[in-house]
């Protein structure tokens, strides 16, 4: 299989520093203490939580803890985790954009309240059916 040199490919990756900042911002916005999270997650000490929230440390919680934090902060995982796309020259596949950052509730709202033209544009861009 040959790859066309005019093709590029974008790989979505987690922006760890931005996600760390987001974890802290969401916790503070909800006025939730580190001690409460520590107790909820059954941790002996809070050091891991401080590490997750420090963009310079570049550590994130395990996926099961991210799910719990999303529920606690009343956001979706898409809203909790910050995604960035890294372009890799020479590998563009003209793939449809993934639906990052849009929750089912948002898609349902769009489907119920948007006109046909806008709905069609969103369906084409995100490769979803509303």
N, C-alpha and C. Protein backbone atom coordinates (compact mmCIF):
# COMPACT_ATOMS: atom_id res chain seq x y z
N UNK A 1 0.84 -1.19 0.00
CA UNK A 1 0.00 0.00 0.00
C UNK A 1 0.88 1.24 0.00
N UNK A 2 0.65 2.12 -0.93
CA UNK A 2 1.41 3.36 -1.00
C UNK A 2 0.61 4.49 -0.38
N UNK A 3 1.32 5.40 0.24
CA UNK A 3 0.68 6.58 0.83
C UNK A 3 0.98 7.77 -0.05
N UNK A 4 -0.05 8.45 -0.46
CA UNK A 4 0.09 9.65 -1.28
C UNK A 4 0.81 10.71 -0.46
N UNK A 5 1.82 11.33 -1.01
CA UNK A 5 2.59 12.34 -0.27
C UNK A 5 1.80 13.61 -0.03
N UNK A 6 0.64 13.79 -0.70
CA UNK A 6 -0.21 14.96 -0.49
C UNK A 6 -1.25 14.73 0.60
N UNK A 7 -1.18 13.60 1.25
CA UNK A 7 -2.15 13.26 2.29
C UNK A 7 -1.57 13.60 3.65
N UNK A 8 -2.41 14.12 4.56
CA UNK A 8 -1.96 14.33 5.94
C UNK A 8 -2.98 13.71 6.88
N UNK A 9 -2.61 13.54 8.09
CA UNK A 9 -3.43 12.84 9.07
C UNK A 9 -3.35 13.57 10.40
N UNK A 10 -4.48 13.81 11.02
CA UNK A 10 -4.47 14.48 12.32
C UNK A 10 -4.86 13.47 13.39
N UNK A 11 -4.09 13.42 14.44
CA UNK A 11 -4.34 12.48 15.53
C UNK A 11 -4.78 13.26 16.76
N UNK A 12 -5.99 13.00 17.25
CA UNK A 12 -6.41 13.69 18.47
C UNK A 12 -5.65 13.12 19.67
N UNK A 13 -5.10 14.00 20.47
CA UNK A 13 -4.40 13.59 21.68
C UNK A 13 -4.86 14.44 22.85
N UNK A 14 -4.64 13.93 24.03
CA UNK A 14 -5.02 14.67 25.23
C UNK A 14 -3.98 15.75 25.50
N UNK A 15 -4.45 16.96 25.69
CA UNK A 15 -3.59 18.06 26.10
C UNK A 15 -3.50 17.99 27.62
N UNK A 16 -2.47 17.33 28.12
CA UNK A 16 -2.36 17.04 29.55
C UNK A 16 -2.30 18.30 30.40
N UNK A 17 -1.44 19.29 30.08
CA UNK A 17 -1.43 20.50 30.91
C UNK A 17 -2.78 21.22 30.93
N UNK A 18 -3.43 21.32 29.78
CA UNK A 18 -4.73 21.99 29.72
C UNK A 18 -5.79 21.20 30.47
N UNK A 19 -5.72 19.88 30.41
CA UNK A 19 -6.67 19.04 31.15
C UNK A 19 -6.43 19.18 32.65
N UNK A 20 -5.18 19.23 33.07
CA UNK A 20 -4.86 19.44 34.49
C UNK A 20 -5.45 20.76 34.98
N UNK A 21 -5.25 21.79 34.20
CA UNK A 21 -5.82 23.10 34.55
C UNK A 21 -7.34 23.03 34.61
N UNK A 22 -7.93 22.32 33.66
CA UNK A 22 -9.38 22.16 33.62
C UNK A 22 -9.90 21.42 34.85
N UNK A 23 -9.19 20.38 35.29
CA UNK A 23 -9.59 19.63 36.49
C UNK A 23 -9.66 20.57 37.71
N UNK A 24 -8.64 21.40 37.87
CA UNK A 24 -8.62 22.33 39.00
C UNK A 24 -9.72 23.37 38.88
N UNK A 25 -9.89 23.93 37.68
CA UNK A 25 -10.91 24.95 37.46
C UNK A 25 -12.31 24.42 37.75
N UNK A 26 -12.61 23.22 37.25
CA UNK A 26 -13.93 22.63 37.47
C UNK A 26 -14.17 22.32 38.95
N UNK A 27 -13.13 21.83 39.63
CA UNK A 27 -13.26 21.54 41.06
C UNK A 27 -13.55 22.82 41.83
N UNK A 28 -12.78 23.87 41.54
CA UNK A 28 -12.97 25.14 42.24
C UNK A 28 -14.32 25.76 41.91
N UNK A 29 -14.75 25.64 40.66
CA UNK A 29 -16.04 26.18 40.24
C UNK A 29 -17.19 25.52 41.01
N UNK A 30 -17.05 24.24 41.28
CA UNK A 30 -18.06 23.50 42.04
C UNK A 30 -17.86 23.61 43.56
N UNK A 31 -16.80 24.32 43.95
CA UNK A 31 -16.49 24.51 45.37
C UNK A 31 -16.34 23.17 46.11
N UNK A 32 -15.57 22.29 45.50
CA UNK A 32 -15.32 20.96 46.06
C UNK A 32 -13.89 20.92 46.57
N UNK A 33 -13.71 20.47 47.78
CA UNK A 33 -12.37 20.45 48.38
C UNK A 33 -11.59 19.21 47.93
N UNK A 34 -10.28 19.35 48.01
CA UNK A 34 -9.39 18.22 47.73
C UNK A 34 -9.71 17.08 48.72
N UNK A 35 -9.97 17.43 49.97
CA UNK A 35 -10.27 16.43 50.99
C UNK A 35 -11.53 15.62 50.63
N UNK A 36 -12.52 16.29 50.06
CA UNK A 36 -13.75 15.58 49.67
C UNK A 36 -13.46 14.59 48.54
N UNK A 37 -12.67 15.01 47.57
CA UNK A 37 -12.31 14.11 46.48
C UNK A 37 -11.49 12.94 47.01
N UNK A 38 -10.56 13.24 47.89
CA UNK A 38 -9.72 12.21 48.49
C UNK A 38 -10.59 11.15 49.17
N UNK A 39 -11.56 11.60 49.95
CA UNK A 39 -12.45 10.68 50.65
C UNK A 39 -13.31 9.88 49.67
N UNK A 40 -13.86 10.57 48.68
CA UNK A 40 -14.72 9.92 47.68
C UNK A 40 -13.96 8.83 46.92
N UNK A 41 -12.72 9.10 46.58
CA UNK A 41 -11.92 8.14 45.82
C UNK A 41 -11.20 7.12 46.71
N UNK A 42 -11.34 7.27 48.03
CA UNK A 42 -10.74 6.31 48.96
C UNK A 42 -9.22 6.37 48.97
N UNK A 43 -8.68 7.55 48.84
CA UNK A 43 -7.23 7.71 48.81
C UNK A 43 -6.70 8.00 50.21
N UNK A 44 -5.51 7.48 50.50
CA UNK A 44 -4.91 7.70 51.81
C UNK A 44 -4.40 9.12 51.99
N UNK A 45 -3.87 9.71 50.91
CA UNK A 45 -3.40 11.09 50.99
C UNK A 45 -3.80 11.83 49.72
N UNK A 46 -3.81 13.16 49.78
CA UNK A 46 -4.30 13.94 48.64
C UNK A 46 -3.25 14.26 47.58
N UNK A 47 -2.02 13.78 47.75
CA UNK A 47 -0.93 14.18 46.86
C UNK A 47 -1.23 13.91 45.38
N UNK A 48 -1.87 12.78 45.09
CA UNK A 48 -2.18 12.46 43.69
C UNK A 48 -3.11 13.51 43.08
N UNK A 49 -4.07 13.98 43.86
CA UNK A 49 -5.03 14.97 43.36
C UNK A 49 -4.32 16.27 43.04
N UNK A 50 -3.41 16.69 43.93
CA UNK A 50 -2.63 17.90 43.66
C UNK A 50 -1.78 17.72 42.39
N UNK A 51 -1.24 16.51 42.21
CA UNK A 51 -0.43 16.23 41.03
C UNK A 51 -1.27 16.29 39.76
N UNK A 52 -2.50 15.76 39.79
CA UNK A 52 -3.40 15.79 38.62
C UNK A 52 -3.69 17.22 38.20
N UNK A 53 -3.79 18.11 39.19
CA UNK A 53 -4.19 19.49 38.91
C UNK A 53 -3.01 20.42 38.60
N UNK A 54 -1.80 19.90 38.62
CA UNK A 54 -0.62 20.70 38.35
C UNK A 54 -0.18 20.48 36.90
N UNK A 55 -0.37 21.49 36.03
CA UNK A 55 -0.04 21.32 34.62
C UNK A 55 1.42 20.97 34.35
N UNK A 56 2.30 21.35 35.26
CA UNK A 56 3.72 21.06 35.05
C UNK A 56 4.09 19.61 35.36
N UNK A 57 3.28 18.93 36.15
CA UNK A 57 3.57 17.53 36.53
C UNK A 57 3.24 16.56 35.40
N UNK A 58 2.25 16.90 34.56
CA UNK A 58 1.86 16.11 33.40
C UNK A 58 1.38 14.70 33.76
N UNK A 59 0.58 14.61 34.82
CA UNK A 59 -0.06 13.35 35.22
C UNK A 59 -1.56 13.57 35.28
N UNK A 60 -2.31 12.55 34.85
CA UNK A 60 -3.76 12.60 34.91
C UNK A 60 -4.29 11.40 35.68
N UNK A 61 -5.53 11.51 36.17
CA UNK A 61 -6.13 10.37 36.87
C UNK A 61 -6.37 9.20 35.92
N UNK A 62 -6.50 8.01 36.50
CA UNK A 62 -6.92 6.84 35.71
C UNK A 62 -8.31 7.10 35.16
N UNK A 63 -8.70 6.38 34.14
CA UNK A 63 -9.98 6.60 33.49
C UNK A 63 -11.14 6.42 34.45
N UNK A 64 -11.08 5.45 35.37
CA UNK A 64 -12.18 5.27 36.31
C UNK A 64 -12.32 6.48 37.23
N UNK A 65 -11.22 7.10 37.60
CA UNK A 65 -11.28 8.31 38.42
C UNK A 65 -11.76 9.51 37.60
N UNK A 66 -11.40 9.56 36.32
CA UNK A 66 -11.90 10.63 35.45
C UNK A 66 -13.42 10.55 35.32
N UNK A 67 -13.94 9.33 35.23
CA UNK A 67 -15.40 9.15 35.13
C UNK A 67 -16.07 9.64 36.41
N UNK A 68 -15.50 9.33 37.55
CA UNK A 68 -16.05 9.78 38.84
C UNK A 68 -15.97 11.30 38.94
N UNK A 69 -14.85 11.88 38.55
CA UNK A 69 -14.69 13.34 38.61
C UNK A 69 -15.68 14.04 37.67
N UNK A 70 -15.88 13.49 36.48
CA UNK A 70 -16.85 14.07 35.54
C UNK A 70 -18.24 14.07 36.17
N UNK A 71 -18.61 12.98 36.80
CA UNK A 71 -19.91 12.89 37.46
C UNK A 71 -20.00 13.90 38.61
N UNK A 72 -18.96 13.97 39.41
CA UNK A 72 -18.92 14.89 40.54
C UNK A 72 -18.99 16.35 40.09
N UNK A 73 -18.30 16.68 39.00
CA UNK A 73 -18.28 18.05 38.50
C UNK A 73 -19.47 18.35 37.58
N UNK A 74 -20.29 17.32 37.33
CA UNK A 74 -21.49 17.46 36.48
C UNK A 74 -21.14 17.91 35.07
N UNK A 75 -20.14 17.24 34.49
CA UNK A 75 -19.73 17.48 33.12
C UNK A 75 -19.54 16.13 32.43
N UNK A 76 -19.44 16.15 31.11
CA UNK A 76 -19.13 14.92 30.38
C UNK A 76 -17.61 14.75 30.35
N UNK A 77 -17.17 13.56 29.99
CA UNK A 77 -15.73 13.34 29.83
C UNK A 77 -15.18 14.26 28.74
N UNK A 78 -16.00 14.51 27.71
CA UNK A 78 -15.58 15.43 26.65
C UNK A 78 -15.32 16.83 27.18
N UNK A 79 -16.05 17.23 28.21
CA UNK A 79 -15.87 18.55 28.80
C UNK A 79 -14.73 18.56 29.82
N UNK A 80 -14.40 17.39 30.35
CA UNK A 80 -13.36 17.28 31.36
C UNK A 80 -11.97 17.21 30.73
N UNK A 81 -11.85 16.44 29.66
CA UNK A 81 -10.58 16.21 29.00
C UNK A 81 -10.43 17.18 27.82
N UNK A 82 -9.28 17.82 27.74
CA UNK A 82 -9.01 18.76 26.64
C UNK A 82 -8.26 18.00 25.55
N UNK A 83 -8.83 18.01 24.33
CA UNK A 83 -8.24 17.30 23.20
C UNK A 83 -7.55 18.30 22.28
N UNK A 84 -6.38 17.92 21.80
CA UNK A 84 -5.70 18.73 20.78
C UNK A 84 -5.42 17.81 19.59
N UNK A 85 -5.29 18.41 18.44
CA UNK A 85 -4.96 17.64 17.25
C UNK A 85 -3.55 17.98 16.84
N UNK A 86 -2.80 16.95 16.58
CA UNK A 86 -1.44 17.16 16.09
C UNK A 86 -1.41 16.74 14.63
N UNK A 87 -1.01 17.64 13.77
CA UNK A 87 -0.92 17.31 12.36
C UNK A 87 0.41 16.65 12.05
N UNK A 88 0.33 15.60 11.29
CA UNK A 88 1.52 14.87 10.87
C UNK A 88 1.68 15.07 9.37
N UNK A 89 2.63 15.92 8.95
CA UNK A 89 2.80 16.20 7.52
C UNK A 89 2.98 14.91 6.73
N UNK A 90 2.36 14.90 5.57
CA UNK A 90 2.48 13.74 4.70
C UNK A 90 1.43 12.68 4.95
N UNK A 91 0.53 12.91 5.92
CA UNK A 91 -0.48 11.91 6.22
C UNK A 91 -1.86 12.52 6.46
N UNK A 92 -2.43 13.25 5.52
CA UNK A 92 -3.80 13.78 5.67
C UNK A 92 -4.75 12.81 4.97
N UNK A 93 -5.71 12.30 5.68
CA UNK A 93 -6.63 11.34 5.11
C UNK A 93 -8.00 11.93 4.82
N UNK A 94 -8.15 13.23 5.00
CA UNK A 94 -9.43 13.90 4.78
C UNK A 94 -10.57 13.17 5.49
N UNK A 95 -10.31 12.80 6.73
CA UNK A 95 -11.31 12.11 7.53
C UNK A 95 -12.32 13.10 8.09
N UNK A 96 -13.55 12.65 8.37
CA UNK A 96 -14.51 13.55 8.99
C UNK A 96 -14.04 13.88 10.41
N UNK A 97 -14.35 15.07 10.85
CA UNK A 97 -13.97 15.47 12.20
C UNK A 97 -14.72 14.64 13.23
N UNK A 98 -14.02 14.22 14.25
CA UNK A 98 -14.64 13.46 15.32
C UNK A 98 -15.48 14.38 16.19
N UNK A 99 -16.35 13.81 16.94
CA UNK A 99 -17.33 14.57 17.70
C UNK A 99 -16.79 14.94 19.10
N UNK A 100 -15.56 15.39 19.19
CA UNK A 100 -14.98 15.72 20.48
C UNK A 100 -15.59 16.99 21.06
N UNK A 101 -15.89 16.95 22.32
CA UNK A 101 -16.38 18.13 23.00
C UNK A 101 -17.88 18.34 22.89
N UNK A 102 -18.59 17.42 22.26
CA UNK A 102 -20.04 17.57 22.16
C UNK A 102 -20.70 16.40 22.87
N UNK A 103 -21.46 16.70 23.88
CA UNK A 103 -22.15 15.66 24.64
C UNK A 103 -23.43 15.24 23.93
N UNK A 104 -23.98 14.10 24.34
CA UNK A 104 -25.25 13.64 23.77
C UNK A 104 -26.35 14.67 24.02
N UNK A 105 -26.33 15.28 25.18
CA UNK A 105 -27.35 16.28 25.51
C UNK A 105 -27.26 17.46 24.55
N UNK A 106 -26.05 17.88 24.21
CA UNK A 106 -25.88 18.99 23.27
C UNK A 106 -26.37 18.61 21.88
N UNK A 107 -26.03 17.39 21.45
CA UNK A 107 -26.50 16.93 20.14
C UNK A 107 -28.02 16.85 20.10
N UNK A 108 -28.63 16.37 21.19
CA UNK A 108 -30.09 16.29 21.26
C UNK A 108 -30.70 17.69 21.19
N UNK A 109 -30.12 18.64 21.91
CA UNK A 109 -30.60 20.02 21.88
C UNK A 109 -30.52 20.59 20.47
N UNK A 110 -29.40 20.36 19.80
CA UNK A 110 -29.22 20.84 18.43
C UNK A 110 -30.27 20.22 17.51
N UNK A 111 -30.48 18.92 17.66
CA UNK A 111 -31.44 18.21 16.82
C UNK A 111 -32.85 18.75 17.00
N UNK A 112 -33.19 19.17 18.20
CA UNK A 112 -34.54 19.62 18.50
C UNK A 112 -34.78 21.10 18.20
N UNK A 113 -33.73 21.88 18.15
CA UNK A 113 -33.92 23.34 18.07
C UNK A 113 -33.33 24.01 16.83
N UNK A 114 -32.60 23.26 16.02
CA UNK A 114 -31.88 23.88 14.91
C UNK A 114 -32.62 23.71 13.59
N UNK A 115 -32.46 24.68 12.70
CA UNK A 115 -33.09 24.58 11.39
C UNK A 115 -32.40 23.51 10.54
N UNK A 116 -33.03 23.13 9.44
CA UNK A 116 -32.54 22.03 8.60
C UNK A 116 -31.15 22.28 8.03
N UNK A 117 -30.88 23.50 7.61
CA UNK A 117 -29.59 23.81 6.99
C UNK A 117 -28.46 23.68 8.02
N UNK A 118 -28.66 24.24 9.21
CA UNK A 118 -27.65 24.15 10.25
C UNK A 118 -27.46 22.70 10.69
N UNK A 119 -28.57 22.00 10.86
CA UNK A 119 -28.51 20.59 11.26
C UNK A 119 -27.72 19.77 10.24
N UNK A 120 -27.96 20.01 8.96
CA UNK A 120 -27.26 19.30 7.89
C UNK A 120 -25.76 19.60 7.93
N UNK A 121 -25.41 20.86 8.16
CA UNK A 121 -24.00 21.24 8.24
C UNK A 121 -23.30 20.55 9.41
N UNK A 122 -23.98 20.49 10.55
CA UNK A 122 -23.41 19.83 11.73
C UNK A 122 -23.27 18.33 11.48
N UNK A 123 -24.28 17.73 10.86
CA UNK A 123 -24.21 16.30 10.54
C UNK A 123 -23.02 16.00 9.64
N UNK A 124 -22.82 16.84 8.63
CA UNK A 124 -21.69 16.62 7.71
C UNK A 124 -20.35 16.83 8.39
N UNK A 125 -20.23 17.85 9.20
CA UNK A 125 -18.95 18.16 9.85
C UNK A 125 -18.56 17.10 10.86
N UNK A 126 -19.52 16.68 11.71
CA UNK A 126 -19.22 15.72 12.77
C UNK A 126 -19.50 14.29 12.39
N UNK A 127 -20.01 14.06 11.16
CA UNK A 127 -20.30 12.72 10.70
C UNK A 127 -21.25 11.99 11.66
N UNK A 128 -22.34 12.69 12.00
CA UNK A 128 -23.38 12.15 12.88
C UNK A 128 -24.73 12.34 12.21
N UNK A 129 -25.71 11.63 12.70
CA UNK A 129 -27.08 11.82 12.21
C UNK A 129 -27.90 12.40 13.35
N UNK A 130 -28.52 13.57 13.13
CA UNK A 130 -29.31 14.21 14.17
C UNK A 130 -30.76 13.90 13.97
